[in-house]
């Protein structure tokens, strides 16, 4: 099974996050996305991405970073590394942390400032329907 870069960091980081933040259990996917943006990103990276829901089902969200501290000292990718997704580490961290709290998710980069996009955008798709999550205990 392929584990993305950062996955192991997320697996370990969730314990620290839960201990430091003393947050309550999120009741919805939108609460979870807000918690990732407003508490986790602020705590560990010093930035607060905006969150937008991109599906009627309420299980797909985008985290939009106007400023990405991971690329502060990267001006541009070399031509031979143009396909490199430099900050894909963040996707692995988010996925690993979510899996440790029993939330299966697909986390992908949608836009990247290093590739000329206006913002950095990370997409999170929760893989179970919200009603399935409520019934599983």
C-alpha atoms as a PDB file:
ATOM      1  CA  UNK A   1       0.000   0.000   0.000  1.00  0.00           C
ATOM      2  CA  UNK A   2       1.401   3.388  -0.993  1.00  0.00           C
ATOM      3  CA  UNK A   3       1.519   5.955   1.804  1.00  0.00           C
ATOM      4  CA  UNK A   4       1.984   9.578   0.728  1.00  0.00           C
ATOM      5  CA  UNK A   5       4.805  11.699   2.072  1.00  0.00           C
ATOM      6  CA  UNK A   6       3.803  13.208   5.383  1.00  0.00           C
ATOM      7  CA  UNK A   7       1.388  10.425   6.305  1.00  0.00           C
ATOM      8  CA  UNK A   8       3.552   9.220   9.194  1.00  0.00           C
ATOM      9  CA  UNK A   9       3.899  12.784  10.455  1.00  0.00           C
ATOM     10  CA  UNK A  10       0.110  13.143  10.518  1.00  0.00           C
ATOM     11  CA  UNK A  11      -0.266   9.829  12.349  1.00  0.00           C
ATOM     12  CA  UNK A  12       2.027  11.099  15.103  1.00  0.00           C
ATOM     13  CA  UNK A  13       0.945  14.752  15.023  1.00  0.00           C
ATOM     14  CA  UNK A  14      -2.723  14.065  15.780  1.00  0.00           C
ATOM     15  CA  UNK A  15      -1.874  13.011  19.356  1.00  0.00           C
ATOM     16  CA  UNK A  16      -0.030  16.279  19.942  1.00  0.00           C
ATOM     17  CA  UNK A  17      -2.856  18.243  18.324  1.00  0.00           C
ATOM     18  CA  UNK A  18      -5.551  16.626  20.466  1.00  0.00           C
ATOM     19  CA  UNK A  19      -3.522  17.112  23.654  1.00  0.00           C
ATOM     20  CA  UNK A  20      -2.655  20.766  22.949  1.00  0.00           C
ATOM     21  CA  UNK A  21      -5.964  21.972  21.583  1.00  0.00           C
ATOM     22  CA  UNK A  22      -8.375  20.121  23.913  1.00  0.00           C
ATOM     23  CA  UNK A  23     -10.974  20.245  21.121  1.00  0.00           C
ATOM     24  CA  UNK A  24     -14.323  18.503  21.311  1.00  0.00           C
ATOM     25  CA  UNK A  25     -15.368  15.830  18.814  1.00  0.00           C
ATOM     26  CA  UNK A  26     -16.461  17.380  15.523  1.00  0.00           C
ATOM     27  CA  UNK A  27     -20.079  16.646  14.629  1.00  0.00           C
ATOM     28  CA  UNK A  28     -19.852  17.203  10.890  1.00  0.00           C
ATOM     29  CA  UNK A  29     -17.404  17.240   8.035  1.00  0.00           C
ATOM     30  CA  UNK A  30     -17.676  21.037   7.851  1.00  0.00           C
ATOM     31  CA  UNK A  31     -16.690  21.309  11.542  1.00  0.00           C
ATOM     32  CA  UNK A  32     -13.743  19.010  10.841  1.00  0.00           C
ATOM     33  CA  UNK A  33     -12.594  21.107   7.862  1.00  0.00           C
ATOM     34  CA  UNK A  34     -12.915  24.287   9.941  1.00  0.00           C
ATOM     35  CA  UNK A  35     -10.928  22.692  12.774  1.00  0.00           C
ATOM     36  CA  UNK A  36      -8.139  21.743  10.365  1.00  0.00           C
ATOM     37  CA  UNK A  37      -7.991  25.283   8.970  1.00  0.00           C
ATOM     38  CA  UNK A  38      -8.590  27.423  12.047  1.00  0.00           C
ATOM     39  CA  UNK A  39      -6.805  25.403  14.719  1.00  0.00           C
ATOM     40  CA  UNK A  40      -4.359  22.902  13.181  1.00  0.00           C
ATOM     41  CA  UNK A  41      -2.922  25.091  10.427  1.00  0.00           C
ATOM     42  CA  UNK A  42      -2.752  28.085  12.775  1.00  0.00           C
ATOM     43  CA  UNK A  43      -1.022  26.025  15.490  1.00  0.00           C
ATOM     44  CA  UNK A  44       1.561  24.277  13.318  1.00  0.00           C
ATOM     45  CA  UNK A  45       2.110  26.620  10.354  1.00  0.00           C
ATOM     46  CA  UNK A  46       0.964  30.009  11.636  1.00  0.00           C
ATOM     47  CA  UNK A  47      -1.555  30.517   8.818  1.00  0.00           C
ATOM     48  CA  UNK A  48      -5.320  30.143   8.601  1.00  0.00           C
ATOM     49  CA  UNK A  49      -6.612  28.922   5.246  1.00  0.00           C
ATOM     50  CA  UNK A  50     -10.118  29.756   4.164  1.00  0.00           C
ATOM     51  CA  UNK A  51     -12.499  26.817   3.815  1.00  0.00           C
ATOM     52  CA  UNK A  52     -15.049  26.313   1.095  1.00  0.00           C
ATOM     53  CA  UNK A  53     -17.427  23.418   0.619  1.00  0.00           C
ATOM     54  CA  UNK A  54     -17.427  22.263  -2.968  1.00  0.00           C
ATOM     55  CA  UNK A  55     -20.148  19.609  -2.969  1.00  0.00           C
ATOM     56  CA  UNK A  56     -23.865  19.445  -2.338  1.00  0.00           C
ATOM     57  CA  UNK A  57     -23.303  16.270  -0.301  1.00  0.00           C
ATOM     58  CA  UNK A  58     -21.152  18.257   2.145  1.00  0.00           C
ATOM     59  CA  UNK A  59     -18.188  15.907   2.015  1.00  0.00           C
ATOM     60  CA  UNK A  60     -15.777  17.867  -0.233  1.00  0.00           C
ATOM     61  CA  UNK A  61     -13.869  20.893   0.976  1.00  0.00           C
ATOM     62  CA  UNK A  62     -11.066  23.122  -0.199  1.00  0.00           C
ATOM     63  CA  UNK A  63      -8.489  24.722   2.058  1.00  0.00           C
ATOM     64  CA  UNK A  64      -7.248  27.859   0.332  1.00  0.00           C
ATOM     65  CA  UNK A  65      -3.960  29.355   1.482  1.00  0.00           C
ATOM     66  CA  UNK A  66      -3.087  32.849   0.319  1.00  0.00           C
ATOM     67  CA  UNK A  67       0.297  32.384   1.983  1.00  0.00           C
ATOM     68  CA  UNK A  68       2.067  29.048   2.283  1.00  0.00           C
ATOM     69  CA  UNK A  69       5.000  29.116   4.731  1.00  0.00           C
ATOM     70  CA  UNK A  70       6.475  25.929   3.237  1.00  0.00           C
ATOM     71  CA  UNK A  71       7.389  27.844   0.077  1.00  0.00           C
ATOM     72  CA  UNK A  72       8.666  31.083   1.624  1.00  0.00           C
ATOM     73  CA  UNK A  73      12.214  30.323   0.534  1.00  0.00           C
ATOM     74  CA  UNK A  74      11.408  28.603  -2.761  1.00  0.00           C
ATOM     75  CA  UNK A  75      11.354  30.960  -5.714  1.00  0.00           C
ATOM     76  CA  UNK A  76      10.532  28.500  -8.470  1.00  0.00           C
ATOM     77  CA  UNK A  77      10.928  24.866  -9.300  1.00  0.00           C
ATOM     78  CA  UNK A  78      13.686  23.932 -11.760  1.00  0.00           C
ATOM     79  CA  UNK A  79      12.394  22.930 -15.197  1.00  0.00           C
ATOM     80  CA  UNK A  80      13.469  19.312 -14.720  1.00  0.00           C
ATOM     81  CA  UNK A  81      11.364  19.192 -11.524  1.00  0.00           C
ATOM     82  CA  UNK A  82       8.262  20.927 -12.912  1.00  0.00           C
ATOM     83  CA  UNK A  83       6.034  17.939 -12.104  1.00  0.00           C
ATOM     84  CA  UNK A  84       7.113  17.956  -8.437  1.00  0.00           C
ATOM     85  CA  UNK A  85       4.341  18.855  -6.020  1.00  0.00           C
ATOM     86  CA  UNK A  86       6.613  20.469  -3.446  1.00  0.00           C
ATOM     87  CA  UNK A  87       4.012  20.809  -0.695  1.00  0.00           C
ATOM     88  CA  UNK A  88       2.358  17.417  -1.138  1.00  0.00           C
ATOM     89  CA  UNK A  89       3.679  16.723   2.347  1.00  0.00           C
ATOM     90  CA  UNK A  90       0.676  18.663   3.700  1.00  0.00           C
ATOM     91  CA  UNK A  91      -1.750  16.283   1.996  1.00  0.00           C
ATOM     92  CA  UNK A  92      -0.089  13.290   3.629  1.00  0.00           C
ATOM     93  CA  UNK A  93      -0.093  14.955   7.057  1.00  0.00           C
ATOM     94  CA  UNK A  94      -3.806  15.761   6.811  1.00  0.00           C
ATOM     95  CA  UNK A  95      -4.703  12.273   5.560  1.00  0.00           C
ATOM     96  CA  UNK A  96      -2.652  10.534   8.258  1.00  0.00           C
ATOM     97  CA  UNK A  97      -4.162  12.637  11.034  1.00  0.00           C
ATOM     98  CA  UNK A  98      -7.719  12.129   9.766  1.00  0.00           C
ATOM     99  CA  UNK A  99      -7.267   8.368   9.529  1.00  0.00           C
ATOM    100  CA  UNK A 100      -6.127   8.251  13.163  1.00  0.00           C
ATOM    101  CA  UNK A 101      -9.496   9.721  14.187  1.00  0.00           C
ATOM    102  CA  UNK A 102     -11.300   7.239  11.912  1.00  0.00           C
ATOM    103  CA  UNK A 103     -12.057   9.624   9.055  1.00  0.00           C
ATOM    104  CA  UNK A 104     -11.101   8.185   5.695  1.00  0.00           C
ATOM    105  CA  UNK A 105     -10.334  10.979   3.263  1.00  0.00           C
ATOM    106  CA  UNK A 106      -8.708  11.663  -0.058  1.00  0.00           C
ATOM    107  CA  UNK A 107      -6.467  14.728   0.167  1.00  0.00           C
ATOM    108  CA  UNK A 108      -4.993  16.279  -2.980  1.00  0.00           C
ATOM    109  CA  UNK A 109      -3.387  19.444  -4.233  1.00  0.00           C
ATOM    110  CA  UNK A 110      -5.701  21.341  -6.555  1.00  0.00           C
ATOM    111  CA  UNK A 111      -3.682  24.542  -7.067  1.00  0.00           C
ATOM    112  CA  UNK A 112      -0.100  25.440  -6.264  1.00  0.00           C
ATOM    113  CA  UNK A 113       1.449  28.932  -6.184  1.00  0.00           C
ATOM    114  CA  UNK A 114       4.784  27.416  -7.182  1.00  0.00           C
ATOM    115  CA  UNK A 115       3.179  26.357 -10.454  1.00  0.00           C
ATOM    116  CA  UNK A 116       1.771  29.801 -11.229  1.00  0.00           C
ATOM    117  CA  UNK A 117      -1.642  29.522  -9.574  1.00  0.00           C
ATOM    118  CA  UNK A 118      -2.974  32.495  -7.625  1.00  0.00           C
ATOM    119  CA  UNK A 119      -3.337  30.487  -4.398  1.00  0.00           C
ATOM    120  CA  UNK A 120      -2.440  27.148  -2.876  1.00  0.00           C
ATOM    121  CA  UNK A 121      -5.525  24.941  -2.666  1.00  0.00           C
ATOM    122  CA  UNK A 122      -5.804  21.576  -0.955  1.00  0.00           C
ATOM    123  CA  UNK A 123      -8.879  19.445  -1.611  1.00  0.00           C
ATOM    124  CA  UNK A 124     -10.288  17.148   1.064  1.00  0.00           C
ATOM    125  CA  UNK A 125     -12.927  14.574   0.158  1.00  0.00           C
ATOM    126  CA  UNK A 126     -14.335  12.565   3.042  1.00  0.00           C
ATOM    127  CA  UNK A 127     -14.954   9.070   1.680  1.00  0.00           C
ATOM    128  CA  UNK A 128     -17.971   8.026   3.730  1.00  0.00           C
ATOM    129  CA  UNK A 129     -21.367   9.636   3.510  1.00  0.00           C
ATOM    130  CA  UNK A 130     -22.205  11.775   6.580  1.00  0.00           C
ATOM    131  CA  UNK A 131     -25.085   9.464   7.586  1.00  0.00           C
ATOM    132  CA  UNK A 132     -22.711   6.455   7.581  1.00  0.00           C
ATOM    133  CA  UNK A 133     -20.430   8.263   9.972  1.00  0.00           C
ATOM    134  CA  UNK A 134     -23.250   8.998  12.430  1.00  0.00           C
ATOM    135  CA  UNK A 135     -24.321   5.364  12.660  1.00  0.00           C
ATOM    136  CA  UNK A 136     -20.847   3.867  13.155  1.00  0.00           C
ATOM    137  CA  UNK A 137     -19.751   3.906  16.766  1.00  0.00           C
END
